[in-house]
Amino acid sequence: MESYSTSQLKYETGGPKNIDLLIDLNEVMDELNGLNFKFAREIEREIIEGDYHTGLGSVVQIAGVKK
């Protein structure tokens, strides 16, 4: 899974402007506590998804499998 993180609000590279529509890594990990995480991280990366979604952004990336 990849989604814009709550830290995305400081960037002008797309994503929701409402913090309630962004995710926090720790909250999502708590909600998905039935998984063995291969990785779970919040990173800054280049976003290249069109005219209004280009530049540095903050995302949460998670990959996991059922226990």
PDB file of N, CA and C in Angstrom:
ATOM      1  N   MET A   1       0.840  -1.151   0.000  1.00  0.00           N
ATOM      2  CA  MET A   1       0.000   0.000   0.000  1.00  0.00           C
ATOM      3  C   MET A   1       0.896   1.227   0.000  1.00  0.00           C
ATOM      4  N   GLU A   2       0.479   2.235  -0.712  1.00  0.00           N
ATOM      5  CA  GLU A   2       1.142   3.538  -0.629  1.00  0.00           C
ATOM      6  C   GLU A   2       0.068   4.604  -0.592  1.00  0.00           C
ATOM      7  N   SER A   3       0.248   5.553   0.314  1.00  0.00           N
ATOM      8  CA  SER A   3      -0.701   6.643   0.439  1.00  0.00           C
ATOM      9  C   SER A   3       0.030   7.874   0.952  1.00  0.00           C
ATOM     10  N   TYR A   4      -0.502   9.040   0.633  1.00  0.00           N
ATOM     11  CA  TYR A   4       0.087  10.254   1.171  1.00  0.00           C
ATOM     12  C   TYR A   4       0.004  10.254   2.693  1.00  0.00           C
ATOM     13  N   SER A   5       1.077  10.701   3.337  1.00  0.00           N
ATOM     14  CA  SER A   5       1.116  10.759   4.804  1.00  0.00           C
ATOM     15  C   SER A   5       0.628  12.123   5.292  1.00  0.00           C
ATOM     16  N   THR A   6       0.428  12.219   6.585  1.00  0.00           N
ATOM     17  CA  THR A   6       0.025  13.495   7.179  1.00  0.00           C
ATOM     18  C   THR A   6       1.074  14.574   6.939  1.00  0.00           C
ATOM     19  N   SER A   7       2.313  14.195   6.738  1.00  0.00           N
ATOM     20  CA  SER A   7       3.382  15.162   6.454  1.00  0.00           C
ATOM     21  C   SER A   7       3.245  15.789   5.066  1.00  0.00           C
ATOM     22  N   GLN A   8       2.393  15.233   4.217  1.00  0.00           N
ATOM     23  CA  GLN A   8       2.218  15.739   2.856  1.00  0.00           C
ATOM     24  C   GLN A   8       1.666  17.163   2.838  1.00  0.00           C
ATOM     25  N   LEU A   9       1.030  17.584   3.912  1.00  0.00           N
ATOM     26  CA  LEU A   9       0.428  18.917   3.930  1.00  0.00           C
ATOM     27  C   LEU A   9       1.441  20.030   3.698  1.00  0.00           C
ATOM     28  N   LYS A  10       2.709  19.803   4.015  1.00  0.00           N
ATOM     29  CA  LYS A  10       3.708  20.862   3.820  1.00  0.00           C
ATOM     30  C   LYS A  10       4.219  20.940   2.382  1.00  0.00           C
ATOM     31  N   TYR A  11       3.781  20.028   1.523  1.00  0.00           N
ATOM     32  CA  TYR A  11       4.201  20.006   0.124  1.00  0.00           C
ATOM     33  C   TYR A  11       3.063  20.489  -0.771  1.00  0.00           C
ATOM     34  N   GLU A  12       3.393  20.972  -1.921  1.00  0.00           N
ATOM     35  CA  GLU A  12       2.397  21.396  -2.922  1.00  0.00           C
ATOM     36  C   GLU A  12       2.439  20.447  -4.114  1.00  0.00           C
ATOM     37  N   THR A  13       2.504  19.148  -3.833  1.00  0.00           N
ATOM     38  CA  THR A  13       2.664  18.165  -4.907  1.00  0.00           C
ATOM     39  C   THR A  13       1.484  17.207  -4.995  1.00  0.00           C
ATOM     40  N   GLY A  14       0.321  17.644  -4.544  1.00  0.00           N
ATOM     41  CA  GLY A  14      -0.866  16.828  -4.673  1.00  0.00           C
ATOM     42  C   GLY A  14      -1.311  16.216  -3.366  1.00  0.00           C
ATOM     43  N   GLY A  15      -2.329  15.403  -3.479  1.00  0.00           N
ATOM     44  CA  GLY A  15      -2.902  14.765  -2.306  1.00  0.00           C
ATOM     45  C   GLY A  15      -3.940  15.649  -1.644  1.00  0.00           C
ATOM     46  N   PRO A  16      -4.690  15.068  -0.725  1.00  0.00           N
ATOM     47  CA  PRO A  16      -5.728  15.826  -0.024  1.00  0.00           C
ATOM     48  C   PRO A  16      -5.140  16.970   0.802  1.00  0.00           C
ATOM     49  N   LYS A  17      -5.900  18.027   0.958  1.00  0.00           N
ATOM     50  CA  LYS A  17      -5.513  19.150   1.819  1.00  0.00           C
ATOM     51  C   LYS A  17      -6.134  19.011   3.207  1.00  0.00           C
ATOM     52  N   ASN A  18      -6.927  17.964   3.404  1.00  0.00           N
ATOM     53  CA  ASN A  18      -7.598  17.699   4.680  1.00  0.00           C
ATOM     54  C   ASN A  18      -6.824  16.596   5.408  1.00  0.00           C
ATOM     55  N   ILE A  19      -6.312  16.897   6.607  1.00  0.00           N
ATOM     56  CA  ILE A  19      -5.495  15.926   7.344  1.00  0.00           C
ATOM     57  C   ILE A  19      -6.260  14.643   7.645  1.00  0.00           C
ATOM     58  N   ASP A  20      -7.586  14.718   7.736  1.00  0.00           N
ATOM     59  CA  ASP A  20      -8.388  13.521   8.008  1.00  0.00           C
ATOM     60  C   ASP A  20      -8.358  12.522   6.852  1.00  0.00           C
ATOM     61  N   LEU A  21      -7.923  12.968   5.673  1.00  0.00           N
ATOM     62  CA  LEU A  21      -7.854  12.092   4.506  1.00  0.00           C
ATOM     63  C   LEU A  21      -6.447  11.570   4.245  1.00  0.00           C
ATOM     64  N   LEU A  22      -5.509  11.923   5.131  1.00  0.00           N
ATOM     65  CA  LEU A  22      -4.123  11.462   5.033  1.00  0.00           C
ATOM     66  C   LEU A  22      -3.868  10.444   6.124  1.00  0.00           C
ATOM     67  N   ILE A  23      -2.791   9.660   6.002  1.00  0.00           N
ATOM     68  CA  ILE A  23      -2.582   8.606   6.991  1.00  0.00           C
ATOM     69  C   ILE A  23      -1.303   8.819   7.796  1.00  0.00           C
ATOM     70  N   ASP A  24      -1.358   8.299   8.997  1.00  0.00           N
ATOM     71  CA  ASP A  24      -0.223   8.295   9.919  1.00  0.00           C
ATOM     72  C   ASP A  24       0.302   6.866   9.998  1.00  0.00           C
ATOM     73  N   LEU A  25       1.597   6.686   9.841  1.00  0.00           N
ATOM     74  CA  LEU A  25       2.191   5.347   9.806  1.00  0.00           C
ATOM     75  C   LEU A  25       1.820   4.527  11.033  1.00  0.00           C
ATOM     76  N   ASN A  26       1.980   5.070  12.217  1.00  0.00           N
ATOM     77  CA  ASN A  26       1.712   4.295  13.436  1.00  0.00           C
ATOM     78  C   ASN A  26       0.242   3.905  13.563  1.00  0.00           C
ATOM     79  N   GLU A  27      -0.654   4.811  13.190  1.00  0.00           N
ATOM     80  CA  GLU A  27      -2.087   4.488  13.260  1.00  0.00           C
ATOM     81  C   GLU A  27      -2.445   3.355  12.307  1.00  0.00           C
ATOM     82  N   VAL A  28      -1.900   3.388  11.100  1.00  0.00           N
ATOM     83  CA  VAL A  28      -2.201   2.337  10.121  1.00  0.00           C
ATOM     84  C   VAL A  28      -1.611   1.005  10.567  1.00  0.00           C
ATOM     85  N   MET A  29      -0.400   1.040  11.118  1.00  0.00           N
ATOM     86  CA  MET A  29       0.197  -0.212  11.610  1.00  0.00           C
ATOM     87  C   MET A  29      -0.642  -0.811  12.731  1.00  0.00           C
ATOM     88  N   ASP A  30      -1.201   0.029  13.603  1.00  0.00           N
ATOM     89  CA  ASP A  30      -2.092  -0.468  14.658  1.00  0.00           C
ATOM     90  C   ASP A  30      -3.343  -1.105  14.060  1.00  0.00           C
ATOM     91  N   GLU A  31      -3.901  -0.467  13.038  1.00  0.00           N
ATOM     92  CA  GLU A  31      -5.107  -0.994  12.394  1.00  0.00           C
ATOM     93  C   GLU A  31      -4.841  -2.302  11.656  1.00  0.00           C
ATOM     94  N   LEU A  32      -3.622  -2.480  11.180  1.00  0.00           N
ATOM     95  CA  LEU A  32      -3.261  -3.686  10.429  1.00  0.00           C
ATOM     96  C   LEU A  32      -2.427  -4.645  11.279  1.00  0.00           C
ATOM     97  N   ASN A  33      -2.690  -4.667  12.580  1.00  0.00           N
ATOM     98  CA  ASN A  33      -1.838  -5.445  13.491  1.00  0.00           C
ATOM     99  C   ASN A  33      -1.902  -6.950  13.263  1.00  0.00           C
ATOM    100  N   GLY A  34      -2.754  -7.437  12.382  1.00  0.00           N
ATOM    101  CA  GLY A  34      -2.808  -8.848  12.062  1.00  0.00           C
ATOM    102  C   GLY A  34      -1.830  -9.256  10.961  1.00  0.00           C
ATOM    103  N   LEU A  35      -0.972  -8.332  10.553  1.00  0.00           N
ATOM    104  CA  LEU A  35      -0.029  -8.623   9.477  1.00  0.00           C
ATOM    105  C   LEU A  35       1.400  -8.742   9.997  1.00  0.00           C
ATOM    106  N   ASN A  36       2.191  -9.550   9.303  1.00  0.00           N
ATOM    107  CA  ASN A  36       3.647  -9.507   9.459  1.00  0.00           C
ATOM    108  C   ASN A  36       4.135  -8.519   8.412  1.00  0.00           C
ATOM    109  N   PHE A  37       4.738  -7.444   8.859  1.00  0.00           N
ATOM    110  CA  PHE A  37       5.165  -6.400   7.932  1.00  0.00           C
ATOM    111  C   PHE A  37       6.488  -6.761   7.276  1.00  0.00           C
ATOM    112  N   LYS A  38       6.505  -6.747   5.962  1.00  0.00           N
ATOM    113  CA  LYS A  38       7.756  -6.872   5.214  1.00  0.00           C
ATOM    114  C   LYS A  38       8.501  -5.547   5.292  1.00  0.00           C
ATOM    115  N   PHE A  39       7.741  -4.454   5.185  1.00  0.00           N
ATOM    116  CA  PHE A  39       8.262  -3.123   5.480  1.00  0.00           C
ATOM    117  C   PHE A  39       7.089  -2.207   5.782  1.00  0.00           C
ATOM    118  N   ALA A  40       7.354  -1.206   6.562  1.00  0.00           N
ATOM    119  CA  ALA A  40       6.377  -0.173   6.903  1.00  0.00           C
ATOM    120  C   ALA A  40       7.192   1.083   7.165  1.00  0.00           C
ATOM    121  N   ARG A  41       7.002   2.084   6.311  1.00  0.00           N
ATOM    122  CA  ARG A  41       7.847   3.267   6.428  1.00  0.00           C
ATOM    123  C   ARG A  41       7.118   4.502   5.913  1.00  0.00           C
ATOM    124  N   GLU A  42       7.573   5.639   6.421  1.00  0.00           N
ATOM    125  CA  GLU A  42       7.172   6.928   5.870  1.00  0.00           C
ATOM    126  C   GLU A  42       8.412   7.514   5.221  1.00  0.00           C
ATOM    127  N   ILE A  43       8.296   7.870   3.963  1.00  0.00           N
ATOM    128  CA  ILE A  43       9.453   8.392   3.237  1.00  0.00           C
ATOM    129  C   ILE A  43       9.055   9.623   2.428  1.00  0.00           C
ATOM    130  N   GLU A  44      10.052  10.388   2.063  1.00  0.00           N
ATOM    131  CA  GLU A  44       9.878  11.447   1.082  1.00  0.00           C
ATOM    132  C   GLU A  44      10.391  10.898  -0.243  1.00  0.00           C
ATOM    133  N   ARG A  45       9.607  11.076  -1.300  1.00  0.00           N
ATOM    134  CA  ARG A  45      10.021  10.598  -2.613  1.00  0.00           C
ATOM    135  C   ARG A  45       9.495  11.530  -3.677  1.00  0.00           C
ATOM    136  N   GLU A  46      10.088  11.430  -4.861  1.00  0.00           N
ATOM    137  CA  GLU A  46       9.618  12.214  -5.997  1.00  0.00           C
ATOM    138  C   GLU A  46       8.271  11.660  -6.462  1.00  0.00           C
ATOM    139  N   ILE A  47       7.312  12.554  -6.570  1.00  0.00           N
ATOM    140  CA  ILE A  47       5.989  12.214  -7.083  1.00  0.00           C
ATOM    141  C   ILE A  47       5.933  12.712  -8.526  1.00  0.00           C
ATOM    142  N   ILE A  48       5.601  11.838  -9.459  1.00  0.00           N
ATOM    143  CA  ILE A  48       5.473  12.231 -10.868  1.00  0.00           C
ATOM    144  C   ILE A  48       4.174  11.620 -11.388  1.00  0.00           C
ATOM    145  N   GLU A  49       3.083  12.352 -11.173  1.00  0.00           N
ATOM    146  CA  GLU A  49       1.762  11.830 -11.522  1.00  0.00           C
ATOM    147  C   GLU A  49       0.918  12.869 -12.250  1.00  0.00           C
ATOM    148  N   GLY A  50       1.536  13.722 -13.024  1.00  0.00           N
ATOM    149  CA  GLY A  50       0.791  14.725 -13.772  1.00  0.00           C
ATOM    150  C   GLY A  50       1.163  16.135 -13.354  1.00  0.00           C
ATOM    151  N   ASP A  51       0.557  17.114 -13.997  1.00  0.00           N
ATOM    152  CA  ASP A  51       0.915  18.518 -13.799  1.00  0.00           C
ATOM    153  C   ASP A  51       0.830  18.978 -12.348  1.00  0.00           C
ATOM    154  N   TYR A  52      -0.169  18.552 -11.609  1.00  0.00           N
ATOM    155  CA  TYR A  52      -0.369  19.043 -10.249  1.00  0.00           C
ATOM    156  C   TYR A  52       0.099  18.053  -9.184  1.00  0.00           C
ATOM    157  N   HIS A  53       0.705  16.979  -9.594  1.00  0.00           N
ATOM    158  CA  HIS A  53       1.209  15.959  -8.679  1.00  0.00           C
ATOM    159  C   HIS A  53       2.651  15.624  -9.034  1.00  0.00           C
ATOM    160  N   THR A  54       3.512  16.632  -9.048  1.00  0.00           N
ATOM    161  CA  THR A  54       4.904  16.432  -9.413  1.00  0.00           C
ATOM    162  C   THR A  54       5.802  17.172  -8.429  1.00  0.00           C
ATOM    163  N   GLY A  55       6.819  16.486  -7.923  1.00  0.00           N
ATOM    164  CA  GLY A  55       7.765  17.075  -6.982  1.00  0.00           C
ATOM    165  C   GLY A  55       7.919  16.188  -5.763  1.00  0.00           C
ATOM    166  N   LEU A  56       8.625  16.681  -4.774  1.00  0.00           N
ATOM    167  CA  LEU A  56       8.858  15.914  -3.561  1.00  0.00           C
ATOM    168  C   LEU A  56       7.574  15.795  -2.755  1.00  0.00           C
ATOM    169  N   GLY A  57       7.302  14.582  -2.276  1.00  0.00           N
ATOM    170  CA  GLY A  57       6.112  14.337  -1.468  1.00  0.00           C
ATOM    171  C   GLY A  57       6.423  13.373  -0.351  1.00  0.00           C
ATOM    172  N   SER A  58       5.503  13.276   0.592  1.00  0.00           N
ATOM    173  CA  SER A  58       5.664  12.381   1.742  1.00  0.00           C
ATOM    174  C   SER A  58       4.595  11.293   1.677  1.00  0.00           C
ATOM    175  N   VAL A  59       5.034  10.042   1.688  1.00  0.00           N
ATOM    176  CA  VAL A  59       4.109   8.912   1.589  1.00  0.00           C
ATOM    177  C   VAL A  59       4.410   7.874   2.664  1.00  0.00           C
ATOM    178  N   VAL A  60       3.401   7.094   2.973  1.00  0.00           N
ATOM    179  CA  VAL A  60       3.540   5.898   3.798  1.00  0.00           C
ATOM    180  C   VAL A  60       3.486   4.710   2.858  1.00  0.00           C
ATOM    181  N   GLN A  61       4.430   3.800   3.016  1.00  0.00           N
ATOM    182  CA  GLN A  61       4.467   2.566   2.224  1.00  0.00           C
ATOM    183  C   GLN A  61       4.440   1.391   3.192  1.00  0.00           C
ATOM    184  N   ILE A  62       3.557   0.434   2.919  1.00  0.00           N
ATOM    185  CA  ILE A  62       3.430  -0.755   3.770  1.00  0.00           C
ATOM    186  C   ILE A  62       3.241  -1.977   2.886  1.00  0.00           C
ATOM    187  N   ALA A  63       3.960  -3.035   3.204  1.00  0.00           N
ATOM    188  CA  ALA A  63       3.725  -4.340   2.596  1.00  0.00           C
ATOM    189  C   ALA A  63       3.717  -5.354   3.721  1.00  0.00           C
ATOM    190  N   GLY A  64       2.713  -6.205   3.738  1.00  0.00           N
ATOM    191  CA  GLY A  64       2.614  -7.201   4.791  1.00  0.00           C
ATOM    192  C   GLY A  64       1.857  -8.422   4.332  1.00  0.00           C
ATOM    193  N   VAL A  65       1.980  -9.496   5.110  1.00  0.00           N
ATOM    194  CA  VAL A  65       1.258 -10.743   4.834  1.00  0.00           C
ATOM    195  C   VAL A  65       0.547 -11.180   6.102  1.00  0.00           C
ATOM    196  N   LYS A  66      -0.530 -11.936   5.920  1.00  0.00           N
ATOM    197  CA  LYS A  66      -1.251 -12.456   7.075  1.00  0.00           C
ATOM    198  C   LYS A  66      -0.370 -13.335   7.926  1.00  0.00           C
ATOM    199  N   LYS A  67      -0.559 -13.259   9.235  1.00  0.00           N
ATOM    200  CA  LYS A  67       0.201 -14.118  10.158  1.00  0.00           C
ATOM    201  C   LYS A  67      -0.287 -15.532  10.038  1.00  0.00           C
TER     202      LYS A  67
END
